[in-house]
């Protein structure tokens, strides 16, 4: 939160993904910044963001830079798409290899 506010953003307090979706639980917290959502993994210093507005995608560049300076690794589409084999976590009815983004930002209802 300090990193985000230090660059002039006005983030809302983080909430767990279970609270955000009003059911279930997971491995990340959601921070709303206007029309954007920044996801912070509870498994390590990992973050990613997405746009809930016009669909163009991506958290504000200022949020990404601030979090990276604070020691977070930003998980972009390329990194998030890496398939992790040999770690088959239960995910919506199956136990198949998952992508990095699904493992770090996991939610199950």
N, C-alpha and C. Protein backbone atom coordinates (compact mmCIF):
# COMPACT_ATOMS: atom_id res chain seq x y z
N UNK A 1 0.83 -1.18 0.00
CA UNK A 1 0.00 0.00 0.00
C UNK A 1 0.87 1.25 0.00
N UNK A 2 1.94 1.21 0.78
CA UNK A 2 2.83 2.36 0.86
C UNK A 2 3.46 2.65 -0.50
N UNK A 3 3.86 1.59 -1.21
CA UNK A 3 4.47 1.78 -2.53
C UNK A 3 3.49 2.42 -3.50
N UNK A 4 2.25 2.00 -3.45
CA UNK A 4 1.23 2.54 -4.37
C UNK A 4 0.88 3.98 -4.04
N UNK A 5 0.73 4.28 -2.77
CA UNK A 5 0.39 5.66 -2.39
C UNK A 5 1.57 6.61 -2.62
N UNK A 6 2.80 6.09 -2.55
CA UNK A 6 3.98 6.93 -2.73
C UNK A 6 4.10 7.50 -4.14
N UNK A 7 3.40 6.89 -5.10
CA UNK A 7 3.44 7.39 -6.49
C UNK A 7 2.15 8.13 -6.85
N UNK A 8 1.40 8.51 -5.83
CA UNK A 8 0.20 9.31 -6.06
C UNK A 8 -1.06 8.55 -6.37
N UNK A 9 -1.04 7.23 -6.24
CA UNK A 9 -2.25 6.44 -6.47
C UNK A 9 -3.08 6.41 -5.20
N UNK A 10 -4.35 6.12 -5.34
CA UNK A 10 -5.25 6.05 -4.19
C UNK A 10 -5.85 4.66 -4.10
N UNK A 11 -5.06 3.67 -3.67
CA UNK A 11 -5.57 2.30 -3.59
C UNK A 11 -6.54 2.13 -2.43
N UNK A 12 -7.53 1.28 -2.67
CA UNK A 12 -8.42 0.89 -1.58
C UNK A 12 -7.72 -0.20 -0.77
N UNK A 13 -8.13 -0.42 0.47
CA UNK A 13 -7.48 -1.47 1.28
C UNK A 13 -7.58 -2.83 0.60
N UNK A 14 -6.54 -3.66 0.74
CA UNK A 14 -6.58 -4.99 0.13
C UNK A 14 -7.63 -5.87 0.79
N UNK A 15 -8.24 -6.72 -0.04
CA UNK A 15 -9.19 -7.72 0.46
C UNK A 15 -8.79 -9.07 -0.11
N UNK A 16 -9.08 -10.12 0.63
CA UNK A 16 -8.77 -11.46 0.13
C UNK A 16 -9.65 -11.76 -1.07
N UNK A 17 -9.19 -12.64 -1.93
CA UNK A 17 -9.98 -12.99 -3.11
C UNK A 17 -11.31 -13.62 -2.71
N UNK A 18 -11.34 -14.36 -1.61
CA UNK A 18 -12.61 -14.94 -1.15
C UNK A 18 -13.61 -13.88 -0.78
N UNK A 19 -13.13 -12.82 -0.12
CA UNK A 19 -14.02 -11.71 0.21
C UNK A 19 -14.43 -10.95 -1.06
N UNK A 20 -13.49 -10.75 -1.98
CA UNK A 20 -13.79 -10.05 -3.23
C UNK A 20 -14.88 -10.78 -4.02
N UNK A 21 -14.79 -12.09 -4.06
CA UNK A 21 -15.76 -12.90 -4.83
C UNK A 21 -16.94 -13.35 -3.98
N UNK A 22 -16.90 -13.01 -2.71
CA UNK A 22 -17.96 -13.34 -1.76
C UNK A 22 -18.16 -14.83 -1.54
N UNK A 23 -17.11 -15.60 -1.78
CA UNK A 23 -17.13 -17.03 -1.47
C UNK A 23 -15.75 -17.61 -1.74
N UNK A 24 -15.47 -18.71 -1.09
CA UNK A 24 -14.23 -19.42 -1.33
C UNK A 24 -13.02 -18.77 -0.70
N UNK A 25 -11.86 -19.21 -1.18
CA UNK A 25 -10.60 -18.66 -0.71
C UNK A 25 -9.55 -18.84 -1.79
N UNK A 26 -8.38 -18.28 -1.55
CA UNK A 26 -7.33 -18.37 -2.56
C UNK A 26 -6.00 -17.89 -2.04
N UNK A 27 -5.12 -17.61 -2.97
CA UNK A 27 -3.73 -17.27 -2.64
C UNK A 27 -3.37 -15.84 -2.99
N UNK A 28 -4.34 -14.93 -2.98
CA UNK A 28 -4.00 -13.54 -3.28
C UNK A 28 -5.00 -12.57 -2.68
N UNK A 29 -4.57 -11.32 -2.65
CA UNK A 29 -5.41 -10.21 -2.22
C UNK A 29 -5.64 -9.30 -3.42
N UNK A 30 -6.75 -8.61 -3.42
CA UNK A 30 -7.12 -7.68 -4.49
C UNK A 30 -7.06 -6.26 -3.95
N UNK A 31 -6.37 -5.40 -4.68
CA UNK A 31 -6.32 -3.98 -4.35
C UNK A 31 -6.94 -3.23 -5.52
N UNK A 32 -8.00 -2.49 -5.26
CA UNK A 32 -8.65 -1.70 -6.30
C UNK A 32 -8.01 -0.33 -6.36
N UNK A 33 -7.72 0.09 -7.58
CA UNK A 33 -7.21 1.43 -7.85
C UNK A 33 -8.07 1.98 -8.98
N UNK A 34 -9.12 2.67 -8.64
CA UNK A 34 -10.06 3.13 -9.67
C UNK A 34 -10.67 1.95 -10.38
N UNK A 35 -10.55 1.93 -11.71
CA UNK A 35 -11.11 0.84 -12.52
C UNK A 35 -10.17 -0.35 -12.62
N UNK A 36 -9.03 -0.28 -11.99
CA UNK A 36 -8.03 -1.34 -12.06
C UNK A 36 -8.06 -2.23 -10.83
N UNK A 37 -7.55 -3.44 -11.00
CA UNK A 37 -7.36 -4.37 -9.91
C UNK A 37 -5.89 -4.78 -9.93
N UNK A 38 -5.25 -4.70 -8.78
CA UNK A 38 -3.90 -5.22 -8.64
C UNK A 38 -4.01 -6.43 -7.72
N UNK A 39 -3.43 -7.54 -8.14
CA UNK A 39 -3.46 -8.77 -7.37
C UNK A 39 -2.10 -8.97 -6.72
N UNK A 40 -2.10 -9.25 -5.43
CA UNK A 40 -0.87 -9.48 -4.67
C UNK A 40 -0.91 -10.90 -4.12
N UNK A 41 0.02 -11.73 -4.54
CA UNK A 41 0.05 -13.12 -4.11
C UNK A 41 0.41 -13.23 -2.63
N UNK A 42 -0.18 -14.19 -1.95
CA UNK A 42 0.18 -14.47 -0.56
C UNK A 42 1.29 -15.52 -0.49
N UNK A 43 1.73 -16.02 -1.64
CA UNK A 43 2.76 -17.05 -1.69
C UNK A 43 4.16 -16.48 -1.82
N UNK A 44 4.27 -15.21 -2.06
CA UNK A 44 5.56 -14.56 -2.24
C UNK A 44 5.33 -13.16 -2.77
N UNK A 45 6.40 -12.49 -3.11
CA UNK A 45 6.33 -11.10 -3.57
C UNK A 45 6.06 -11.07 -5.07
N UNK A 46 4.83 -11.43 -5.43
CA UNK A 46 4.39 -11.47 -6.82
C UNK A 46 3.14 -10.62 -6.96
N UNK A 47 3.05 -9.92 -8.09
CA UNK A 47 1.89 -9.06 -8.35
C UNK A 47 1.54 -9.11 -9.82
N UNK A 48 0.28 -8.83 -10.10
CA UNK A 48 -0.17 -8.64 -11.48
C UNK A 48 -1.39 -7.75 -11.43
N UNK A 49 -1.78 -7.21 -12.56
CA UNK A 49 -2.93 -6.33 -12.58
C UNK A 49 -3.76 -6.53 -13.81
N UNK A 50 -5.00 -6.05 -13.72
CA UNK A 50 -5.86 -6.09 -14.89
C UNK A 50 -6.88 -4.98 -14.84
N UNK A 51 -7.35 -4.62 -16.01
CA UNK A 51 -8.29 -3.53 -16.21
C UNK A 51 -9.70 -4.11 -16.19
N UNK A 52 -10.57 -3.51 -15.42
CA UNK A 52 -11.97 -3.95 -15.42
C UNK A 52 -12.85 -2.96 -16.17
N UNK A 53 -12.23 -2.01 -16.83
CA UNK A 53 -12.98 -0.97 -17.54
C UNK A 53 -13.19 -1.31 -19.01
N UNK A 54 -12.38 -0.73 -19.88
CA UNK A 54 -12.61 -0.85 -21.32
C UNK A 54 -12.03 -2.12 -21.94
N UNK A 55 -11.40 -2.97 -21.15
CA UNK A 55 -10.90 -4.24 -21.67
C UNK A 55 -9.53 -4.17 -22.31
N UNK A 56 -8.83 -3.03 -22.22
CA UNK A 56 -7.52 -2.94 -22.84
C UNK A 56 -6.45 -3.65 -22.03
N UNK A 57 -6.73 -3.97 -20.78
CA UNK A 57 -5.84 -4.77 -19.95
C UNK A 57 -4.74 -3.96 -19.28
N UNK A 58 -4.17 -4.56 -18.25
CA UNK A 58 -3.02 -3.99 -17.58
C UNK A 58 -3.34 -3.06 -16.44
N UNK A 59 -2.57 -3.17 -15.37
CA UNK A 59 -2.66 -2.21 -14.27
C UNK A 59 -1.95 -0.95 -14.70
N UNK A 60 -2.22 0.17 -14.04
CA UNK A 60 -1.52 1.40 -14.41
C UNK A 60 -0.01 1.19 -14.34
N UNK A 61 0.69 1.79 -15.27
CA UNK A 61 2.14 1.65 -15.31
C UNK A 61 2.77 2.12 -14.01
N UNK A 62 2.22 3.13 -13.40
CA UNK A 62 2.77 3.64 -12.13
C UNK A 62 2.68 2.58 -11.03
N UNK A 63 1.59 1.82 -11.00
CA UNK A 63 1.44 0.77 -9.99
C UNK A 63 2.48 -0.31 -10.20
N UNK A 64 2.68 -0.70 -11.43
CA UNK A 64 3.67 -1.74 -11.72
C UNK A 64 5.07 -1.29 -11.32
N UNK A 65 5.45 -0.09 -11.74
CA UNK A 65 6.78 0.42 -11.40
C UNK A 65 6.96 0.52 -9.88
N UNK A 66 5.94 1.01 -9.19
CA UNK A 66 6.03 1.16 -7.73
C UNK A 66 6.21 -0.19 -7.04
N UNK A 67 5.45 -1.17 -7.48
CA UNK A 67 5.54 -2.49 -6.85
C UNK A 67 6.87 -3.17 -7.18
N UNK A 68 7.35 -3.00 -8.39
CA UNK A 68 8.65 -3.57 -8.75
C UNK A 68 9.77 -2.93 -7.93
N UNK A 69 9.70 -1.62 -7.74
CA UNK A 69 10.70 -0.94 -6.90
C UNK A 69 10.62 -1.42 -5.45
N UNK A 70 9.45 -1.83 -5.02
CA UNK A 70 9.26 -2.32 -3.65
C UNK A 70 9.65 -3.80 -3.51
N UNK A 71 10.13 -4.41 -4.58
CA UNK A 71 10.62 -5.78 -4.51
C UNK A 71 9.67 -6.85 -5.00
N UNK A 72 8.56 -6.44 -5.62
CA UNK A 72 7.63 -7.43 -6.16
C UNK A 72 8.03 -7.80 -7.58
N UNK A 73 7.79 -9.04 -7.94
CA UNK A 73 7.98 -9.49 -9.32
C UNK A 73 6.63 -9.38 -10.01
N UNK A 74 6.57 -8.60 -11.09
CA UNK A 74 5.33 -8.43 -11.85
C UNK A 74 5.17 -9.63 -12.76
N UNK A 75 4.04 -10.30 -12.66
CA UNK A 75 3.77 -11.47 -13.49
C UNK A 75 2.97 -11.00 -14.71
N UNK A 76 3.66 -10.92 -15.84
CA UNK A 76 2.99 -10.50 -17.07
C UNK A 76 2.43 -11.73 -17.78
N UNK A 77 1.88 -11.53 -18.95
CA UNK A 77 1.26 -12.67 -19.66
C UNK A 77 2.26 -13.75 -20.03
N UNK A 78 3.48 -13.35 -20.39
CA UNK A 78 4.49 -14.33 -20.77
C UNK A 78 4.90 -15.18 -19.59
N UNK A 79 5.25 -14.54 -18.47
CA UNK A 79 5.63 -15.29 -17.27
C UNK A 79 4.44 -16.10 -16.74
N UNK A 80 3.28 -15.51 -16.74
CA UNK A 80 2.10 -16.17 -16.21
C UNK A 80 1.68 -17.39 -16.99
N UNK A 81 2.07 -17.45 -18.26
CA UNK A 81 1.67 -18.56 -19.13
C UNK A 81 2.59 -19.78 -19.02
N UNK A 82 3.68 -19.67 -18.28
CA UNK A 82 4.59 -20.81 -18.13
C UNK A 82 3.86 -21.95 -17.43
N UNK A 83 3.89 -23.12 -18.04
CA UNK A 83 3.22 -24.30 -17.49
C UNK A 83 4.13 -24.99 -16.49
N UNK A 84 3.63 -25.23 -15.30
CA UNK A 84 4.39 -25.90 -14.24
C UNK A 84 3.96 -27.36 -14.21
N UNK A 85 4.84 -28.23 -14.63
CA UNK A 85 4.51 -29.66 -14.63
C UNK A 85 4.98 -30.28 -13.32
N UNK A 86 4.38 -31.39 -12.94
CA UNK A 86 4.78 -32.09 -11.74
C UNK A 86 4.22 -31.51 -10.45
N UNK A 87 3.40 -30.49 -10.56
CA UNK A 87 2.76 -29.87 -9.39
C UNK A 87 1.28 -29.73 -9.73
N UNK A 88 0.60 -30.84 -9.73
CA UNK A 88 -0.79 -30.87 -10.17
C UNK A 88 -1.73 -30.56 -9.01
N UNK A 89 -2.10 -29.31 -8.90
CA UNK A 89 -2.96 -28.81 -7.83
C UNK A 89 -4.42 -28.92 -8.26
N UNK A 90 -5.28 -29.28 -7.33
CA UNK A 90 -6.71 -29.35 -7.62
C UNK A 90 -7.19 -27.97 -8.06
N UNK A 91 -7.79 -27.89 -9.23
CA UNK A 91 -8.21 -26.62 -9.80
C UNK A 91 -9.50 -26.83 -10.57
N UNK A 92 -10.61 -26.44 -9.97
CA UNK A 92 -11.93 -26.53 -10.58
C UNK A 92 -12.19 -27.91 -11.19
N UNK A 93 -12.01 -28.95 -10.36
CA UNK A 93 -12.38 -30.30 -10.74
C UNK A 93 -11.32 -31.15 -11.38
N UNK A 94 -10.15 -30.61 -11.62
CA UNK A 94 -9.10 -31.42 -12.24
C UNK A 94 -7.78 -31.26 -11.48
N UNK A 95 -6.85 -32.14 -11.78
CA UNK A 95 -5.49 -32.07 -11.23
C UNK A 95 -4.51 -32.19 -12.39
N UNK A 96 -4.41 -31.14 -13.13
CA UNK A 96 -3.52 -31.07 -14.29
C UNK A 96 -2.45 -30.03 -14.02
N UNK A 97 -1.38 -30.03 -14.79
CA UNK A 97 -0.39 -28.96 -14.65
C UNK A 97 -1.06 -27.59 -14.87
N UNK A 98 -0.63 -26.61 -14.09
CA UNK A 98 -1.20 -25.27 -14.19
C UNK A 98 -0.16 -24.26 -14.60
N UNK A 99 -0.62 -23.13 -15.10
CA UNK A 99 0.27 -22.04 -15.44
C UNK A 99 0.68 -21.29 -14.18
N UNK A 100 1.81 -20.61 -14.24
CA UNK A 100 2.32 -19.84 -13.11
C UNK A 100 1.26 -18.89 -12.57
N UNK A 101 0.57 -18.18 -13.44
CA UNK A 101 -0.44 -17.21 -12.98
C UNK A 101 -1.56 -17.89 -12.21
N UNK A 102 -1.96 -19.07 -12.63
CA UNK A 102 -3.03 -19.79 -11.93
C UNK A 102 -2.56 -20.28 -10.56
N UNK A 103 -1.30 -20.62 -10.44
CA UNK A 103 -0.78 -21.08 -9.16
C UNK A 103 -0.57 -19.93 -8.18
N UNK A 104 -0.02 -18.83 -8.65
CA UNK A 104 0.23 -17.69 -7.76
C UNK A 104 -1.04 -16.93 -7.40
N UNK A 105 -1.98 -16.91 -8.30
CA UNK A 105 -3.23 -16.16 -8.11
C UNK A 105 -4.40 -17.12 -8.22
N UNK A 106 -4.47 -18.00 -7.24
CA UNK A 106 -5.40 -19.13 -7.22
C UNK A 106 -6.64 -18.78 -6.42
N UNK A 107 -7.80 -19.12 -6.96
CA UNK A 107 -9.05 -18.95 -6.24
C UNK A 107 -9.90 -20.20 -6.48
N UNK A 108 -10.56 -20.65 -5.43
CA UNK A 108 -11.46 -21.80 -5.53
C UNK A 108 -12.70 -21.51 -4.69
N UNK A 109 -13.86 -21.70 -5.29
CA UNK A 109 -15.09 -21.43 -4.52
C UNK A 109 -15.54 -22.62 -3.71
